PDB file of N, CA and C in Angstrom:
ATOM      1  N   MET A   1     -20.597 -17.539   5.314  1.00  0.00           N
ATOM      2  CA  MET A   1     -19.540 -16.682   4.604  1.00  0.00           C
ATOM      3  C   MET A   1     -18.496 -17.245   4.424  1.00  0.00           C
ATOM      4  N   SER A   2     -17.876 -16.914   2.958  1.00  0.00           N
ATOM      5  CA  SER A   2     -16.664 -17.449   2.868  1.00  0.00           C
ATOM      6  C   SER A   2     -15.492 -17.288   3.330  1.00  0.00           C
ATOM      7  N   ALA A   3     -14.676 -18.151   3.361  1.00  0.00           N
ATOM      8  CA  ALA A   3     -13.168 -17.503   3.954  1.00  0.00           C
ATOM      9  C   ALA A   3     -12.340 -16.335   3.758  1.00  0.00           C
ATOM     10  N   ARG A   4     -12.599 -16.147   1.898  1.00  0.00           N
ATOM     11  CA  ARG A   4     -12.231 -15.132   1.199  1.00  0.00           C
ATOM     12  C   ARG A   4     -12.770 -13.625   1.851  1.00  0.00           C
ATOM     13  N   SER A   5     -14.424 -13.462   2.339  1.00  0.00           N
ATOM     14  CA  SER A   5     -14.749 -12.466   2.837  1.00  0.00           C
ATOM     15  C   SER A   5     -14.671 -11.903   3.983  1.00  0.00           C
ATOM     16  N   LYS A   6     -13.697 -12.857   5.015  1.00  0.00           N
ATOM     17  CA  LYS A   6     -13.616 -12.885   6.102  1.00  0.00           C
ATOM     18  C   LYS A   6     -12.001 -12.157   6.484  1.00  0.00           C
ATOM     19  N   LYS A   7     -11.424 -12.014   5.151  1.00  0.00           N
ATOM     20  CA  LYS A   7     -10.084 -11.357   5.245  1.00  0.00           C
ATOM     21  C   LYS A   7      -9.776  -9.973   5.384  1.00  0.00           C
ATOM     22  N   GLN A   8      -8.966  -9.542   6.331  1.00  0.00           N
ATOM     23  CA  GLN A   8      -9.274  -8.090   6.767  1.00  0.00           C
ATOM     24  C   GLN A   8      -8.358  -7.288   5.423  1.00  0.00           C
ATOM     25  N   LYS A   9      -9.216  -6.226   5.341  1.00  0.00           N
ATOM     26  CA  LYS A   9      -8.224  -5.209   4.066  1.00  0.00           C
ATOM     27  C   LYS A   9      -7.871  -3.813   4.942  1.00  0.00           C
ATOM     28  N   LEU A  10      -6.899  -3.534   4.001  1.00  0.00           N
ATOM     29  CA  LEU A  10      -6.375  -2.399   4.222  1.00  0.00           C
ATOM     30  C   LEU A  10      -6.135  -1.294   3.386  1.00  0.00           C
ATOM     31  N   ARG A  11      -6.619   0.306   3.942  1.00  0.00           N
ATOM     32  CA  ARG A  11      -6.826   1.147   2.951  1.00  0.00           C
ATOM     33  C   ARG A  11      -5.696   1.730   2.817  1.00  0.00           C
ATOM     34  N   VAL A  12      -5.051   1.899   1.623  1.00  0.00           N
ATOM     35  CA  VAL A  12      -3.484   2.218   1.518  1.00  0.00           C
ATOM     36  C   VAL A  12      -3.715   3.481   0.544  1.00  0.00           C
ATOM     37  N   THR A  13      -3.165   4.965   1.354  1.00  0.00           N
ATOM     38  CA  THR A  13      -3.242   5.971   0.099  1.00  0.00           C
ATOM     39  C   THR A  13      -1.597   6.409  -0.072  1.00  0.00           C
ATOM     40  N   GLN A  14      -1.405   7.002  -1.002  1.00  0.00           N
ATOM     41  CA  GLN A  14       0.016   7.713  -1.367  1.00  0.00           C
ATOM     42  C   GLN A  14      -0.222   8.828  -0.822  1.00  0.00           C
ATOM     43  N   VAL A  15       0.755   9.413   0.293  1.00  0.00           N
ATOM     44  CA  VAL A  15       0.327  11.183   0.818  1.00  0.00           C
ATOM     45  C   VAL A  15       1.495  11.969   0.612  1.00  0.00           C
ATOM     46  N   ARG A  16       2.732  11.231   0.016  1.00  0.00           N
ATOM     47  CA  ARG A  16       3.902  12.393  -0.306  1.00  0.00           C
ATOM     48  C   ARG A  16       4.529  11.566  -1.910  1.00  0.00           C
ATOM     49  N   SER A  17       4.894  12.314  -2.630  1.00  0.00           N
ATOM     50  CA  SER A  17       5.711  12.028  -3.821  1.00  0.00           C
ATOM     51  C   SER A  17       6.745  11.178  -3.954  1.00  0.00           C
ATOM     52  N   ALA A  18       7.151  10.088  -4.651  1.00  0.00           N
ATOM     53  CA  ALA A  18       8.344   9.447  -4.961  1.00  0.00           C
ATOM     54  C   ALA A  18       9.152   9.999  -5.344  1.00  0.00           C
ATOM     55  N   ILE A  19       9.378  11.038  -5.923  1.00  0.00           N
ATOM     56  CA  ILE A  19      10.302  11.612  -6.740  1.00  0.00           C
ATOM     57  C   ILE A  19      11.024  12.173  -5.692  1.00  0.00           C
ATOM     58  N   GLY A  20      12.760  11.826  -6.107  1.00  0.00           N
ATOM     59  CA  GLY A  20      13.677  12.076  -4.997  1.00  0.00           C
ATOM     60  C   GLY A  20      13.930  10.467  -4.322  1.00  0.00           C
ATOM     61  N   TYR A  21      13.153   9.837  -4.465  1.00  0.00           N
ATOM     62  CA  TYR A  21      13.492   8.414  -3.429  1.00  0.00           C
ATOM     63  C   TYR A  21      13.763   7.593  -4.401  1.00  0.00           C
ATOM     64  N   ASN A  22      14.577   6.399  -3.957  1.00  0.00           N
ATOM     65  CA  ASN A  22      15.139   5.435  -5.372  1.00  0.00           C
ATOM     66  C   ASN A  22      14.136   4.885  -6.001  1.00  0.00           C
ATOM     67  N   ARG A  23      14.556   4.094  -6.753  1.00  0.00           N
ATOM     68  CA  ARG A  23      13.769   2.839  -7.895  1.00  0.00           C
ATOM     69  C   ARG A  23      12.835   1.858  -7.088  1.00  0.00           C
ATOM     70  N   ARG A  24      13.516   1.500  -6.165  1.00  0.00           N
ATOM     71  CA  ARG A  24      13.158   0.248  -5.438  1.00  0.00           C
ATOM     72  C   ARG A  24      11.778   0.959  -4.624  1.00  0.00           C
ATOM     73  N   GLN A  25      11.929   2.212  -4.168  1.00  0.00           N
ATOM     74  CA  GLN A  25      10.670   2.714  -3.064  1.00  0.00           C
ATOM     75  C   GLN A  25       9.578   2.729  -4.359  1.00  0.00           C
ATOM     76  N   ARG A  26       9.827   3.088  -5.902  1.00  0.00           N
ATOM     77  CA  ARG A  26       8.772   3.728  -6.412  1.00  0.00           C
ATOM     78  C   ARG A  26       8.244   2.445  -7.058  1.00  0.00           C
ATOM     79  N   VAL A  27       8.701   1.301  -7.190  1.00  0.00           N
ATOM     80  CA  VAL A  27       8.416  -0.480  -7.675  1.00  0.00           C
ATOM     81  C   VAL A  27       7.545  -0.470  -6.444  1.00  0.00           C
ATOM     82  N   ILE A  28       8.018  -0.621  -5.130  1.00  0.00           N
ATOM     83  CA  ILE A  28       6.791  -1.104  -4.214  1.00  0.00           C
ATOM     84  C   ILE A  28       5.648  -0.238  -4.512  1.00  0.00           C
ATOM     85  N   LEU A  29       5.597   0.878  -4.389  1.00  0.00           N
ATOM     86  CA  LEU A  29       4.208   1.418  -4.735  1.00  0.00           C
ATOM     87  C   LEU A  29       3.370   1.029  -6.182  1.00  0.00           C
ATOM     88  N   ARG A  30       4.398   0.622  -7.006  1.00  0.00           N
ATOM     89  CA  ARG A  30       3.581   0.372  -8.262  1.00  0.00           C
ATOM     90  C   ARG A  30       3.161  -1.309  -7.649  1.00  0.00           C
ATOM     91  N   GLY A  31       3.886  -1.711  -6.894  1.00  0.00           N
ATOM     92  CA  GLY A  31       3.284  -3.095  -6.556  1.00  0.00           C
ATOM     93  C   GLY A  31       2.427  -3.238  -5.901  1.00  0.00           C
ATOM     94  N   LEU A  32       2.096  -2.499  -5.011  1.00  0.00           N
ATOM     95  CA  LEU A  32       0.779  -2.070  -4.268  1.00  0.00           C
ATOM     96  C   LEU A  32      -0.242  -1.714  -5.003  1.00  0.00           C
ATOM     97  N   GLY A  33      -0.200  -1.172  -6.000  1.00  0.00           N
ATOM     98  CA  GLY A  33      -1.301  -0.934  -6.849  1.00  0.00           C
ATOM     99  C   GLY A  33      -1.453   0.649  -7.091  1.00  0.00           C
ATOM    100  N   ILE A  34       0.031   1.355  -6.644  1.00  0.00           N
ATOM    101  CA  ILE A  34      -0.983   2.913  -6.466  1.00  0.00           C
ATOM    102  C   ILE A  34       0.132   3.340  -7.651  1.00  0.00           C
ATOM    103  N   ARG A  35      -0.989   4.519  -8.347  1.00  0.00           N
ATOM    104  CA  ARG A  35      -0.562   5.089  -9.260  1.00  0.00           C
ATOM    105  C   ARG A  35       0.159   6.333  -9.462  1.00  0.00           C
ATOM    106  N   ARG A  36      -0.555   6.975  -8.590  1.00  0.00           N
ATOM    107  CA  ARG A  36      -0.146   8.672  -8.421  1.00  0.00           C
ATOM    108  C   ARG A  36      -0.374   9.041  -6.532  1.00  0.00           C
ATOM    109  N   MET A  37       0.017  10.599  -6.516  1.00  0.00           N
ATOM    110  CA  MET A  37      -0.621  10.970  -5.523  1.00  0.00           C
ATOM    111  C   MET A  37      -2.285  10.899  -5.046  1.00  0.00           C
ATOM    112  N   HIS A  38      -2.251  10.851  -3.871  1.00  0.00           N
ATOM    113  CA  HIS A  38      -3.796  10.734  -2.995  1.00  0.00           C
ATOM    114  C   HIS A  38      -4.762   9.551  -4.152  1.00  0.00           C
ATOM    115  N   HIS A  39      -4.135   8.627  -4.626  1.00  0.00           N
ATOM    116  CA  HIS A  39      -4.676   7.492  -5.355  1.00  0.00           C
ATOM    117  C   HIS A  39      -4.528   6.415  -3.843  1.00  0.00           C
ATOM    118  N   THR A  40      -5.894   5.760  -3.963  1.00  0.00           N
ATOM    119  CA  THR A  40      -6.091   4.973  -2.636  1.00  0.00           C
ATOM    120  C   THR A  40      -6.573   3.453  -3.390  1.00  0.00           C
ATOM    121  N   VAL A  41      -6.061   2.615  -2.688  1.00  0.00           N
ATOM    122  CA  VAL A  41      -6.181   1.011  -2.802  1.00  0.00           C
ATOM    123  C   VAL A  41      -7.114   0.397  -1.864  1.00  0.00           C
ATOM    124  N   GLU A  42      -7.676  -0.436  -2.135  1.00  0.00           N
ATOM    125  CA  GLU A  42      -8.007  -1.304  -1.012  1.00  0.00           C
ATOM    126  C   GLU A  42      -7.122  -3.232  -1.077  1.00  0.00           C
ATOM    127  N   ILE A  43      -6.337  -3.267  -0.272  1.00  0.00           N
ATOM    128  CA  ILE A  43      -5.749  -4.736  -0.947  1.00  0.00           C
ATOM    129  C   ILE A  43      -5.895  -5.433   0.792  1.00  0.00           C
ATOM    130  N   GLU A  44      -5.827  -6.689   0.800  1.00  0.00           N
ATOM    131  CA  GLU A  44      -5.742  -7.627   1.652  1.00  0.00           C
ATOM    132  C   GLU A  44      -4.603  -7.484   2.475  1.00  0.00           C
ATOM    133  N   ASP A  45      -4.942  -7.740   3.682  1.00  0.00           N
ATOM    134  CA  ASP A  45      -3.920  -7.714   4.688  1.00  0.00           C
ATOM    135  C   ASP A  45      -3.143  -8.562   4.764  1.00  0.00           C
ATOM    136  N   THR A  46      -1.754  -9.061   4.352  1.00  0.00           N
ATOM    137  CA  THR A  46      -0.691  -9.969   3.832  1.00  0.00           C
ATOM    138  C   THR A  46       0.268  -9.943   4.715  1.00  0.00           C
ATOM    139  N   PRO A  47       1.181 -10.909   5.163  1.00  0.00           N
ATOM    140  CA  PRO A  47       2.298 -10.595   5.452  1.00  0.00           C
ATOM    141  C   PRO A  47       3.491  -9.874   4.446  1.00  0.00           C
ATOM    142  N   SER A  48       3.120  -9.964   3.052  1.00  0.00           N
ATOM    143  CA  SER A  48       3.711  -9.627   2.248  1.00  0.00           C
ATOM    144  C   SER A  48       3.442  -8.054   1.963  1.00  0.00           C
ATOM    145  N   VAL A  49       1.954  -7.990   1.994  1.00  0.00           N
ATOM    146  CA  VAL A  49       1.751  -6.684   1.868  1.00  0.00           C
ATOM    147  C   VAL A  49       2.091  -5.672   2.923  1.00  0.00           C
ATOM    148  N   ARG A  50       2.189  -6.266   4.404  1.00  0.00           N
ATOM    149  CA  ARG A  50       2.719  -5.379   5.234  1.00  0.00           C
ATOM    150  C   ARG A  50       4.418  -5.165   5.416  1.00  0.00           C
ATOM    151  N   GLY A  51       4.939  -6.200   4.720  1.00  0.00           N
ATOM    152  CA  GLY A  51       6.339  -5.744   4.850  1.00  0.00           C
ATOM    153  C   GLY A  51       7.292  -4.658   3.448  1.00  0.00           C
ATOM    154  N   MET A  52       6.028  -4.699   2.664  1.00  0.00           N
ATOM    155  CA  MET A  52       5.959  -3.631   1.421  1.00  0.00           C
ATOM    156  C   MET A  52       6.026  -2.151   2.010  1.00  0.00           C
ATOM    157  N   ILE A  53       4.486  -2.326   2.775  1.00  0.00           N
ATOM    158  CA  ILE A  53       4.089  -0.898   3.460  1.00  0.00           C
ATOM    159  C   ILE A  53       5.678  -0.886   4.428  1.00  0.00           C
ATOM    160  N   ARG A  54       5.814  -1.405   5.207  1.00  0.00           N
ATOM    161  CA  ARG A  54       6.713  -1.174   5.923  1.00  0.00           C
ATOM    162  C   ARG A  54       8.621  -0.599   5.137  1.00  0.00           C
ATOM    163  N   LYS A  55       8.461  -0.695   4.192  1.00  0.00           N
ATOM    164  CA  LYS A  55       9.708  -0.289   3.548  1.00  0.00           C
ATOM    165  C   LYS A  55       9.536   1.382   2.944  1.00  0.00           C
ATOM    166  N   ILE A  56       8.263   1.492   2.870  1.00  0.00           N
ATOM    167  CA  ILE A  56       8.158   2.784   2.724  1.00  0.00           C
ATOM    168  C   ILE A  56       6.856   3.494   3.292  1.00  0.00           C
ATOM    169  N   PRO A  57       6.946   3.832   4.448  1.00  0.00           N
ATOM    170  CA  PRO A  57       5.802   4.309   5.339  1.00  0.00           C
ATOM    171  C   PRO A  57       5.937   5.941   5.264  1.00  0.00           C
ATOM    172  N   HIS A  58       6.805   6.460   4.809  1.00  0.00           N
ATOM    173  CA  HIS A  58       7.129   8.122   4.603  1.00  0.00           C
ATOM    174  C   HIS A  58       6.062   8.312   3.573  1.00  0.00           C
ATOM    175  N   LEU A  59       5.668   7.201   2.613  1.00  0.00           N
ATOM    176  CA  LEU A  59       4.982   7.834   1.254  1.00  0.00           C
ATOM    177  C   LEU A  59       3.206   7.749   1.691  1.00  0.00           C
ATOM    178  N   LEU A  60       3.086   6.787   2.726  1.00  0.00           N
ATOM    179  CA  LEU A  60       1.950   6.192   2.553  1.00  0.00           C
ATOM    180  C   LEU A  60       0.874   6.719   4.115  1.00  0.00           C
ATOM    181  N   LYS A  61      -0.211   6.186   4.194  1.00  0.00           N
ATOM    182  CA  LYS A  61      -1.374   6.550   4.880  1.00  0.00           C
ATOM    183  C   LYS A  61      -1.871   5.478   4.698  1.00  0.00           C
ATOM    184  N   VAL A  62      -1.996   4.406   6.277  1.00  0.00           N
ATOM    185  CA  VAL A  62      -2.776   3.295   6.244  1.00  0.00           C
ATOM    186  C   VAL A  62      -3.769   3.037   6.955  1.00  0.00           C
ATOM    187  N   GLU A  63      -4.918   2.670   6.672  1.00  0.00           N
ATOM    188  CA  GLU A  63      -6.225   2.563   7.618  1.00  0.00           C
ATOM    189  C   GLU A  63      -6.430   1.224   7.456  1.00  0.00           C
ATOM    190  N   ALA A  64      -6.686   0.445   8.546  1.00  0.00           N
ATOM    191  CA  ALA A  64      -7.889  -1.055   8.554  1.00  0.00           C
ATOM    192  C   ALA A  64      -9.059  -0.441   7.772  1.00  0.00           C
ATOM    193  N   SER A  65      -9.845  -1.147   7.186  1.00  0.00           N
ATOM    194  CA  SER A  65     -11.438  -1.175   6.584  1.00  0.00           C
ATOM    195  C   SER A  65     -11.863  -2.424   6.931  1.00  0.00           C
TER     196      SER A  65
END
């Protein structure tokens, strides 16, 4: 197995609307690759991604995959 395939992935889903929240929070959603409500993305578990998730936990559901 390569080192790349051993990386842990996170499954991130938007569960609340970003309407009514400030622009920075909407930008973080886009940075994670989330485009709309109930959209799910799988991204690598890195410290920078964890920091982005920590800024908007009220909008997301996060699962390890």
